[in-house]
Amino acid sequence: METSENSIDKYISGFPAEVQEMLRKLRATIQQAAPDAGETINYAMPTFTLKGNLVHFAAYKKHIGFYPAPSGIEAFKDELQIYKSAKGSVQFPLNMPLPLDLISRMVKFRVIENSGKSKPEKKL
């Protein structure tokens, strides 16, 4: 049986080199922000789990989709204004650097939220 880590590795390996590099940086940022999270593939996307789904990401032709749940989008909506977003997703264009600091803060927000400790503060 294939491990989740290998599944994400396999997912990343299916993209051009420059996209693979962005996906690896995104994955490493999520791992650092949520060191206790598990990795799997859900909805055909790399998924981090911690007491349920934490965040998902996926690469597309012109962007990387990041899925921190509707609450994650809402909490950071001011900082996400420059990106195309929807209720539970944001699109980071491939021709722009990934906002790794923002992504890290969004993941930490979701960790606190999923842990059920309290309503997380936006500014982490």
C-alpha atoms as a PDB file:
ATOM      1  CA  MET A   1       0.000   0.000   0.000  1.00  0.00           C
ATOM      2  CA  GLU A   2       1.289   3.446  -0.926  1.00  0.00           C
ATOM      3  CA  THR A   3       1.914   5.831   1.960  1.00  0.00           C
ATOM      4  CA  SER A   4       0.282   9.249   2.054  1.00  0.00           C
ATOM      5  CA  GLU A   5       3.654  10.956   1.835  1.00  0.00           C
ATOM      6  CA  ASN A   6       4.491   9.030  -1.310  1.00  0.00           C
ATOM      7  CA  SER A   7       1.070   9.886  -2.717  1.00  0.00           C
ATOM      8  CA  ILE A   8       1.764  13.607  -2.295  1.00  0.00           C
ATOM      9  CA  ASP A   9       5.248  13.100  -3.737  1.00  0.00           C
ATOM     10  CA  LYS A  10       3.656  11.359  -6.710  1.00  0.00           C
ATOM     11  CA  TYR A  11       1.113  14.184  -7.093  1.00  0.00           C
ATOM     12  CA  ILE A  12       3.852  16.833  -7.083  1.00  0.00           C
ATOM     13  CA  SER A  13       6.017  14.880  -9.540  1.00  0.00           C
ATOM     14  CA  GLY A  14       3.282  15.136 -12.172  1.00  0.00           C
ATOM     15  CA  PHE A  15       3.877  18.849 -12.757  1.00  0.00           C
ATOM     16  CA  PRO A  16       6.562  20.874 -14.581  1.00  0.00           C
ATOM     17  CA  ALA A  17       9.756  21.526 -12.574  1.00  0.00           C
ATOM     18  CA  GLU A  18       8.938  25.140 -11.704  1.00  0.00           C
ATOM     19  CA  VAL A  19       5.472  24.158 -10.428  1.00  0.00           C
ATOM     20  CA  GLN A  20       6.965  21.242  -8.472  1.00  0.00           C
ATOM     21  CA  GLU A  21       9.272  23.704  -6.718  1.00  0.00           C
ATOM     22  CA  MET A  22       6.319  25.912  -5.734  1.00  0.00           C
ATOM     23  CA  LEU A  23       4.349  22.889  -4.508  1.00  0.00           C
ATOM     24  CA  ARG A  24       7.311  21.668  -2.434  1.00  0.00           C
ATOM     25  CA  LYS A  25       7.679  25.120  -0.834  1.00  0.00           C
ATOM     26  CA  LEU A  26       3.954  25.201  -0.103  1.00  0.00           C
ATOM     27  CA  ARG A  27       4.054  21.719   1.418  1.00  0.00           C
ATOM     28  CA  ALA A  28       7.087  22.586   3.573  1.00  0.00           C
ATOM     29  CA  THR A  29       5.381  25.781   4.771  1.00  0.00           C
ATOM     30  CA  ILE A  30       2.287  23.812   5.784  1.00  0.00           C
ATOM     31  CA  GLN A  31       4.428  21.147   7.504  1.00  0.00           C
ATOM     32  CA  GLN A  32       6.258  23.825   9.527  1.00  0.00           C
ATOM     33  CA  ALA A  33       3.019  25.579  10.513  1.00  0.00           C
ATOM     34  CA  ALA A  34       1.264  22.318  11.417  1.00  0.00           C
ATOM     35  CA  PRO A  35       3.991  19.840  12.454  1.00  0.00           C
ATOM     36  CA  ASP A  36       1.460  17.418  13.982  1.00  0.00           C
ATOM     37  CA  ALA A  37      -0.750  17.273  10.897  1.00  0.00           C
ATOM     38  CA  GLY A  38      -1.047  14.124   8.826  1.00  0.00           C
ATOM     39  CA  GLU A  39      -0.743  14.024   5.046  1.00  0.00           C
ATOM     40  CA  THR A  40      -3.060  12.256   2.648  1.00  0.00           C
ATOM     41  CA  ILE A  41      -4.857  12.660  -0.648  1.00  0.00           C
ATOM     42  CA  ASN A  42      -8.527  13.711  -0.368  1.00  0.00           C
ATOM     43  CA  TYR A  43     -10.680  14.918  -3.230  1.00  0.00           C
ATOM     44  CA  ALA A  44      -7.703  14.064  -5.515  1.00  0.00           C
ATOM     45  CA  MET A  45      -5.679  16.814  -3.755  1.00  0.00           C
ATOM     46  CA  PRO A  46      -2.837  16.828  -1.242  1.00  0.00           C
ATOM     47  CA  THR A  47      -4.520  17.251   2.126  1.00  0.00           C
ATOM     48  CA  PHE A  48      -3.247  17.951   5.609  1.00  0.00           C
ATOM     49  CA  THR A  49      -5.355  16.598   8.447  1.00  0.00           C
ATOM     50  CA  LEU A  50      -5.509  17.406  12.140  1.00  0.00           C
ATOM     51  CA  LYS A  51      -8.742  16.458  13.904  1.00  0.00           C
ATOM     52  CA  GLY A  52     -10.358  16.564  10.463  1.00  0.00           C
ATOM     53  CA  ASN A  53      -9.330  18.223   7.220  1.00  0.00           C
ATOM     54  CA  LEU A  54      -6.986  21.132   7.850  1.00  0.00           C
ATOM     55  CA  VAL A  55      -6.059  22.448   4.383  1.00  0.00           C
ATOM     56  CA  HIS A  56      -5.873  21.149   0.819  1.00  0.00           C
ATOM     57  CA  PHE A  57      -3.895  22.384  -2.164  1.00  0.00           C
ATOM     58  CA  ALA A  58      -3.830  21.616  -5.867  1.00  0.00           C
ATOM     59  CA  ALA A  59      -1.987  22.808  -8.949  1.00  0.00           C
ATOM     60  CA  TYR A  60      -3.740  23.936 -12.083  1.00  0.00           C
ATOM     61  CA  LYS A  61      -2.633  25.338 -15.434  1.00  0.00           C
ATOM     62  CA  LYS A  62      -2.270  28.950 -14.226  1.00  0.00           C
ATOM     63  CA  HIS A  63      -2.530  28.839 -10.438  1.00  0.00           C
ATOM     64  CA  ILE A  64      -2.184  26.863  -7.230  1.00  0.00           C
ATOM     65  CA  GLY A  65      -5.444  26.451  -5.390  1.00  0.00           C
ATOM     66  CA  PHE A  66      -5.287  26.615  -1.610  1.00  0.00           C
ATOM     67  CA  TYR A  67      -8.266  25.454   0.436  1.00  0.00           C
ATOM     68  CA  PRO A  68      -8.183  26.516   4.121  1.00  0.00           C
ATOM     69  CA  ALA A  69     -11.976  26.152   4.619  1.00  0.00           C
ATOM     70  CA  PRO A  70     -14.384  29.093   4.476  1.00  0.00           C
ATOM     71  CA  SER A  71     -13.324  30.254   7.953  1.00  0.00           C
ATOM     72  CA  GLY A  72      -9.687  30.519   6.833  1.00  0.00           C
ATOM     73  CA  ILE A  73     -10.652  32.627   3.826  1.00  0.00           C
ATOM     74  CA  GLU A  74     -12.928  34.861   5.882  1.00  0.00           C
ATOM     75  CA  ALA A  75     -10.329  35.465   8.612  1.00  0.00           C
ATOM     76  CA  PHE A  76      -7.731  36.650   6.097  1.00  0.00           C
ATOM     77  CA  LYS A  77     -10.010  38.235   3.497  1.00  0.00           C
ATOM     78  CA  ASP A  78      -8.279  41.636   3.663  1.00  0.00           C
ATOM     79  CA  GLU A  79      -4.890  40.118   2.854  1.00  0.00           C
ATOM     80  CA  LEU A  80      -6.401  37.901   0.162  1.00  0.00           C
ATOM     81  CA  GLN A  81      -8.019  40.753  -1.773  1.00  0.00           C
ATOM     82  CA  ILE A  82      -5.332  40.711  -4.478  1.00  0.00           C
ATOM     83  CA  TYR A  83      -6.086  37.048  -5.269  1.00  0.00           C
ATOM     84  CA  LYS A  84      -9.087  35.403  -6.853  1.00  0.00           C
ATOM     85  CA  SER A  85     -10.937  33.641  -4.076  1.00  0.00           C
ATOM     86  CA  ALA A  86     -14.220  31.943  -3.287  1.00  0.00           C
ATOM     87  CA  LYS A  87     -15.959  30.817  -0.108  1.00  0.00           C
ATOM     88  CA  GLY A  88     -13.326  28.233   0.837  1.00  0.00           C
ATOM     89  CA  SER A  89     -10.516  28.701  -1.669  1.00  0.00           C
ATOM     90  CA  VAL A  90      -7.929  31.098  -2.985  1.00  0.00           C
ATOM     91  CA  GLN A  91      -5.933  31.012  -6.212  1.00  0.00           C
ATOM     92  CA  PHE A  92      -2.237  31.887  -6.157  1.00  0.00           C
ATOM     93  CA  PRO A  93      -1.101  32.614  -9.744  1.00  0.00           C
ATOM     94  CA  LEU A  94       1.890  30.605 -10.954  1.00  0.00           C
ATOM     95  CA  ASN A  95       3.529  33.783 -12.250  1.00  0.00           C
ATOM     96  CA  MET A  96       3.733  35.319  -8.753  1.00  0.00           C
ATOM     97  CA  PRO A  97       5.702  34.180  -5.688  1.00  0.00           C
ATOM     98  CA  LEU A  98       3.645  32.238  -3.158  1.00  0.00           C
ATOM     99  CA  PRO A  99       2.758  34.350  -0.076  1.00  0.00           C
ATOM    100  CA  LEU A 100       4.376  31.804   2.255  1.00  0.00           C
ATOM    101  CA  ASP A 101       4.092  33.957   5.394  1.00  0.00           C
ATOM    102  CA  LEU A 102       0.370  34.447   4.801  1.00  0.00           C
ATOM    103  CA  ILE A 103      -0.098  30.745   4.063  1.00  0.00           C
ATOM    104  CA  SER A 104       1.729  29.864   7.280  1.00  0.00           C
ATOM    105  CA  ARG A 105      -0.521  32.148   9.328  1.00  0.00           C
ATOM    106  CA  MET A 106      -3.626  30.713   7.657  1.00  0.00           C
ATOM    107  CA  VAL A 107      -2.523  27.159   8.462  1.00  0.00           C
ATOM    108  CA  LYS A 108      -1.800  28.103  12.098  1.00  0.00           C
ATOM    109  CA  PHE A 109      -5.265  29.670  12.270  1.00  0.00           C
ATOM    110  CA  ARG A 110      -6.773  26.403  11.015  1.00  0.00           C
ATOM    111  CA  VAL A 111      -4.711  24.351  13.514  1.00  0.00           C
ATOM    112  CA  ILE A 112      -6.122  26.392  16.395  1.00  0.00           C
ATOM    113  CA  GLU A 113      -9.605  26.186  14.919  1.00  0.00           C
ATOM    114  CA  ASN A 114      -9.473  22.413  14.415  1.00  0.00           C
ATOM    115  CA  SER A 115      -8.005  21.893  17.872  1.00  0.00           C
ATOM    116  CA  GLY A 116     -11.136  23.500  19.301  1.00  0.00           C
ATOM    117  CA  LYS A 117      -9.176  25.476  21.875  1.00  0.00           C
ATOM    118  CA  SER A 118     -10.937  28.760  21.224  1.00  0.00           C
ATOM    119  CA  LYS A 119     -11.834  31.115  18.455  1.00  0.00           C
ATOM    120  CA  PRO A 120      -8.453  31.874  16.870  1.00  0.00           C
ATOM    121  CA  GLU A 121      -7.262  35.418  16.570  1.00  0.00           C
ATOM    122  CA  LYS A 122      -6.635  36.474  12.976  1.00  0.00           C
ATOM    123  CA  LYS A 123      -3.220  38.028  13.562  1.00  0.00           C
ATOM    124  CA  LEU A 124      -0.961  35.107  14.370  1.00  0.00           C
END
